[in-house]
Amino acid sequence: MVKKQDKGLVASVAIPDGVTATLNEAMLTIKGGKGEVIRNVLSPLVAIEIKDKAIVLTTTSGKKKFSRMFQTLCAHVANMIKGSMEPFLYEVKICSGHFPMTVKKDGDEVVISNFLGEKIPRRSKIVEGVALDIKGDLITITASDIEKAGQTAANLERATIIKKRDIRVFQDGCYITVKPNTK
């Protein structure tokens, strides 16, 4: 909940039962039942401290620059707490209408073979700390950190960008169909 102070803003994000938070200099670590999220929260505009089962964020000014950074850090902390309790889920749909494309996991990469009949397979990086599962034409991506899960899904979608073809006809590729609700 955000409150206005004399010159700045104050917000406290409650830490639920079963979740622990530690602040070591600028590194905020949140551990929960389903995972651990670590983030650098160093900002000269926003002060962060842990008090009485809550993470308290404060600014010294109400200017737009301070307010924007303040709101951003509040959202990051809230997402870290949500992710430690239940991982974020993305679903990516594999669409292949013209050529039967093969998608498989190979270590820390996803290999997309025979995309539009190409001989050289396309590769997409899986960010560290992300679980990826391929079943049929659906790829499920889960992670405690929303940014890592989102980046992995974006890497998959970006690996199958179609160039020099009419995208109204060639709709093959990997497309994000389900994103986590962060509200």
Protein backbone atom coordinates (compact mmCIF):
# COMPACT_ATOMS: atom_id res chain seq x y z
CA MET A 1 0.00 0.00 0.00
CA VAL A 2 1.46 3.35 -1.07
CA LYS A 3 1.25 6.33 1.27
CA LYS A 4 2.35 9.89 0.63
CA GLN A 5 4.80 11.37 3.11
CA ASP A 6 5.78 14.99 3.62
CA LYS A 7 8.18 14.90 0.67
CA GLY A 8 8.11 11.37 -0.69
CA LEU A 9 6.34 8.03 -0.90
CA VAL A 10 6.25 4.99 1.40
CA ALA A 11 5.01 1.49 0.59
CA SER A 12 5.12 -1.76 2.48
CA VAL A 13 4.80 -5.13 0.79
CA ALA A 14 3.70 -7.79 3.26
CA ILE A 15 5.72 -10.99 3.52
CA PRO A 16 3.27 -13.93 3.80
CA ASP A 17 3.75 -16.91 6.11
CA GLY A 18 6.18 -19.48 4.71
CA VAL A 19 8.19 -16.83 2.85
CA THR A 20 11.48 -15.38 4.10
CA ALA A 21 13.17 -12.25 2.84
CA THR A 22 16.76 -11.13 3.41
CA LEU A 23 18.47 -7.97 2.27
CA ASN A 24 22.26 -8.15 1.96
CA GLU A 25 23.48 -4.73 0.83
CA ALA A 26 21.65 -4.39 -2.50
CA MET A 27 20.70 -8.05 -3.07
CA LEU A 28 17.14 -8.96 -2.05
CA THR A 29 16.60 -12.70 -1.62
CA ILE A 30 13.11 -14.10 -1.21
CA LYS A 31 12.64 -17.79 -0.42
CA GLY A 32 9.29 -19.50 -0.46
CA GLY A 33 7.82 -22.97 -0.65
CA LYS A 34 8.15 -23.22 -4.45
CA GLY A 35 11.40 -21.39 -5.15
CA GLU A 36 13.92 -18.67 -4.51
CA VAL A 37 14.27 -15.34 -6.30
CA ILE A 38 17.32 -13.08 -6.04
CA ARG A 39 17.41 -9.55 -7.41
CA ASN A 40 19.68 -6.52 -7.20
CA VAL A 41 17.49 -3.68 -5.91
CA LEU A 42 20.16 -0.99 -5.69
CA SER A 43 18.66 2.41 -6.43
CA PRO A 44 19.86 5.83 -5.28
CA LEU A 45 16.25 7.06 -5.46
CA VAL A 46 14.54 4.38 -3.34
CA ALA A 47 15.52 3.01 0.07
CA ILE A 48 14.55 -0.58 0.90
CA GLU A 49 14.48 -2.26 4.31
CA ILE A 50 12.80 -5.23 5.98
CA LYS A 51 10.64 -4.49 9.04
CA ASP A 52 8.10 -6.65 10.88
CA LYS A 53 7.26 -9.20 8.14
CA ALA A 54 7.13 -6.47 5.48
CA ILE A 55 9.46 -4.98 2.91
CA VAL A 56 9.34 -1.20 3.22
CA LEU A 57 10.22 1.03 0.27
CA THR A 58 10.66 4.80 0.71
CA THR A 59 11.60 7.78 -1.46
CA THR A 60 12.73 11.23 -0.42
CA SER A 61 10.85 13.10 -3.15
CA GLY A 62 7.51 12.93 -4.91
CA LYS A 63 8.90 13.91 -8.32
CA LYS A 64 8.06 11.78 -11.36
CA LYS A 65 11.56 10.34 -11.61
CA PHE A 66 11.42 9.11 -8.00
CA SER A 67 7.83 7.91 -8.32
CA ARG A 68 8.55 5.84 -11.44
CA MET A 69 11.49 4.03 -9.84
CA PHE A 70 9.50 3.56 -6.63
CA GLN A 71 6.52 1.97 -8.44
CA THR A 72 8.84 -0.24 -10.50
CA LEU A 73 10.63 -1.60 -7.43
CA CYS A 74 7.29 -2.17 -5.64
CA ALA A 75 6.10 -4.26 -8.60
CA HIS A 76 9.38 -6.22 -8.73
CA VAL A 77 9.20 -7.05 -5.01
CA ALA A 78 5.54 -8.13 -5.30
CA ASN A 79 6.40 -10.39 -8.29
CA MET A 80 9.34 -11.88 -6.38
CA ILE A 81 7.04 -12.82 -3.49
CA LYS A 82 4.40 -14.30 -5.85
CA GLY A 83 7.05 -16.29 -7.72
CA SER A 84 8.51 -17.75 -4.54
CA MET A 85 5.07 -19.06 -3.54
CA GLU A 86 3.93 -20.29 -6.97
CA PRO A 87 6.00 -20.31 -10.17
CA PHE A 88 4.98 -18.19 -13.15
CA LEU A 89 3.66 -20.08 -16.18
CA TYR A 90 3.97 -19.28 -19.88
CA GLU A 91 2.58 -21.45 -22.65
CA VAL A 92 3.94 -21.34 -26.19
CA LYS A 93 2.04 -22.94 -29.09
CA ILE A 94 3.94 -24.58 -31.96
CA CYS A 95 2.22 -23.89 -35.29
CA SER A 96 3.40 -25.61 -38.45
CA GLY A 97 1.10 -25.57 -41.45
CA HIS A 98 3.48 -25.88 -44.39
CA PHE A 99 6.36 -28.04 -43.16
CA PRO A 100 6.33 -30.48 -40.23
CA MET A 101 8.72 -28.79 -37.83
CA THR A 102 10.42 -30.62 -34.98
CA VAL A 103 10.98 -28.90 -31.62
CA LYS A 104 13.11 -30.58 -28.96
CA LYS A 105 15.05 -29.62 -25.85
CA ASP A 106 18.82 -30.02 -26.07
CA GLY A 107 20.57 -29.06 -22.82
CA ASP A 108 20.06 -25.34 -22.25
CA GLU A 109 18.65 -24.75 -25.74
CA VAL A 110 15.54 -25.54 -27.74
CA VAL A 111 16.31 -26.80 -31.25
CA ILE A 112 13.73 -26.06 -33.96
CA SER A 113 14.36 -28.27 -37.01
CA ASN A 114 12.79 -28.09 -40.48
CA PHE A 115 11.24 -24.66 -39.85
CA LEU A 116 9.78 -23.67 -43.24
CA GLY A 117 11.91 -26.41 -44.80
CA GLU A 118 15.23 -24.86 -43.69
CA LYS A 119 18.21 -27.20 -43.56
CA ILE A 120 19.93 -25.46 -40.64
CA PRO A 121 18.04 -25.79 -37.34
CA ARG A 122 17.17 -22.67 -35.38
CA ARG A 123 18.16 -22.48 -31.70
CA SER A 124 16.60 -20.71 -28.76
CA LYS A 125 18.30 -20.23 -25.38
CA ILE A 126 16.67 -21.40 -22.15
CA VAL A 127 17.54 -18.97 -19.35
CA GLU A 128 19.07 -20.56 -16.24
CA GLY A 129 16.50 -21.43 -13.57
CA VAL A 130 13.65 -22.09 -16.01
CA ALA A 131 11.83 -25.41 -16.40
CA LEU A 132 10.70 -26.14 -19.96
CA ASP A 133 8.44 -29.01 -20.99
CA ILE A 134 7.43 -29.90 -24.56
CA LYS A 135 4.27 -31.99 -25.07
CA GLY A 136 2.93 -32.26 -28.60
CA ASP A 137 2.44 -28.77 -29.96
CA LEU A 138 2.53 -27.02 -26.56
CA ILE A 139 5.61 -25.78 -24.72
CA THR A 140 5.18 -25.05 -21.00
CA ILE A 141 7.65 -22.68 -19.35
CA THR A 142 7.72 -22.27 -15.55
CA ALA A 143 10.05 -20.30 -13.29
CA SER A 144 10.00 -18.49 -9.96
CA ASP A 145 11.40 -15.37 -11.62
CA ILE A 146 8.89 -13.81 -14.03
CA GLU A 147 11.65 -12.13 -16.04
CA LYS A 148 13.50 -15.39 -16.70
CA ALA A 149 10.31 -17.19 -17.73
CA GLY A 150 9.28 -14.31 -19.99
CA GLN A 151 12.71 -14.06 -21.59
CA THR A 152 12.74 -17.78 -22.40
CA ALA A 153 9.28 -17.52 -23.99
CA ALA A 154 10.36 -14.45 -25.97
CA ASN A 155 13.52 -16.26 -27.15
CA LEU A 156 11.34 -19.07 -28.53
CA GLU A 157 8.97 -16.69 -30.28
CA ARG A 158 11.84 -14.65 -31.69
CA ALA A 159 13.70 -17.70 -33.01
CA THR A 160 10.86 -18.38 -35.44
CA ILE A 161 10.44 -14.91 -36.91
CA ILE A 162 9.55 -15.14 -40.59
CA LYS A 163 11.34 -12.76 -42.94
CA LYS A 164 10.88 -12.24 -46.67
CA ARG A 165 7.56 -14.13 -46.69
CA ASP A 166 3.96 -13.07 -46.41
CA ILE A 167 3.06 -13.57 -42.72
CA ARG A 168 -0.62 -13.75 -43.66
CA VAL A 169 0.13 -16.98 -45.56
CA PHE A 170 3.11 -18.41 -43.64
CA GLN A 171 1.84 -18.44 -40.07
CA ASP A 172 4.28 -21.12 -38.95
CA GLY A 173 6.25 -20.51 -35.76
CA CYS A 174 6.11 -20.54 -31.99
CA TYR A 175 3.66 -18.10 -30.40
CA ILE A 176 3.06 -17.16 -26.75
CA THR A 177 -0.55 -18.04 -25.94
CA VAL A 178 -0.69 -17.85 -22.14
CA LYS A 179 1.05 -15.29 -19.93
CA PRO A 180 0.94 -15.10 -16.13
CA ASN A 181 -1.49 -12.70 -14.49
CA THR A 182 0.64 -10.37 -12.37
CA LYS A 183 -2.18 -8.32 -10.82
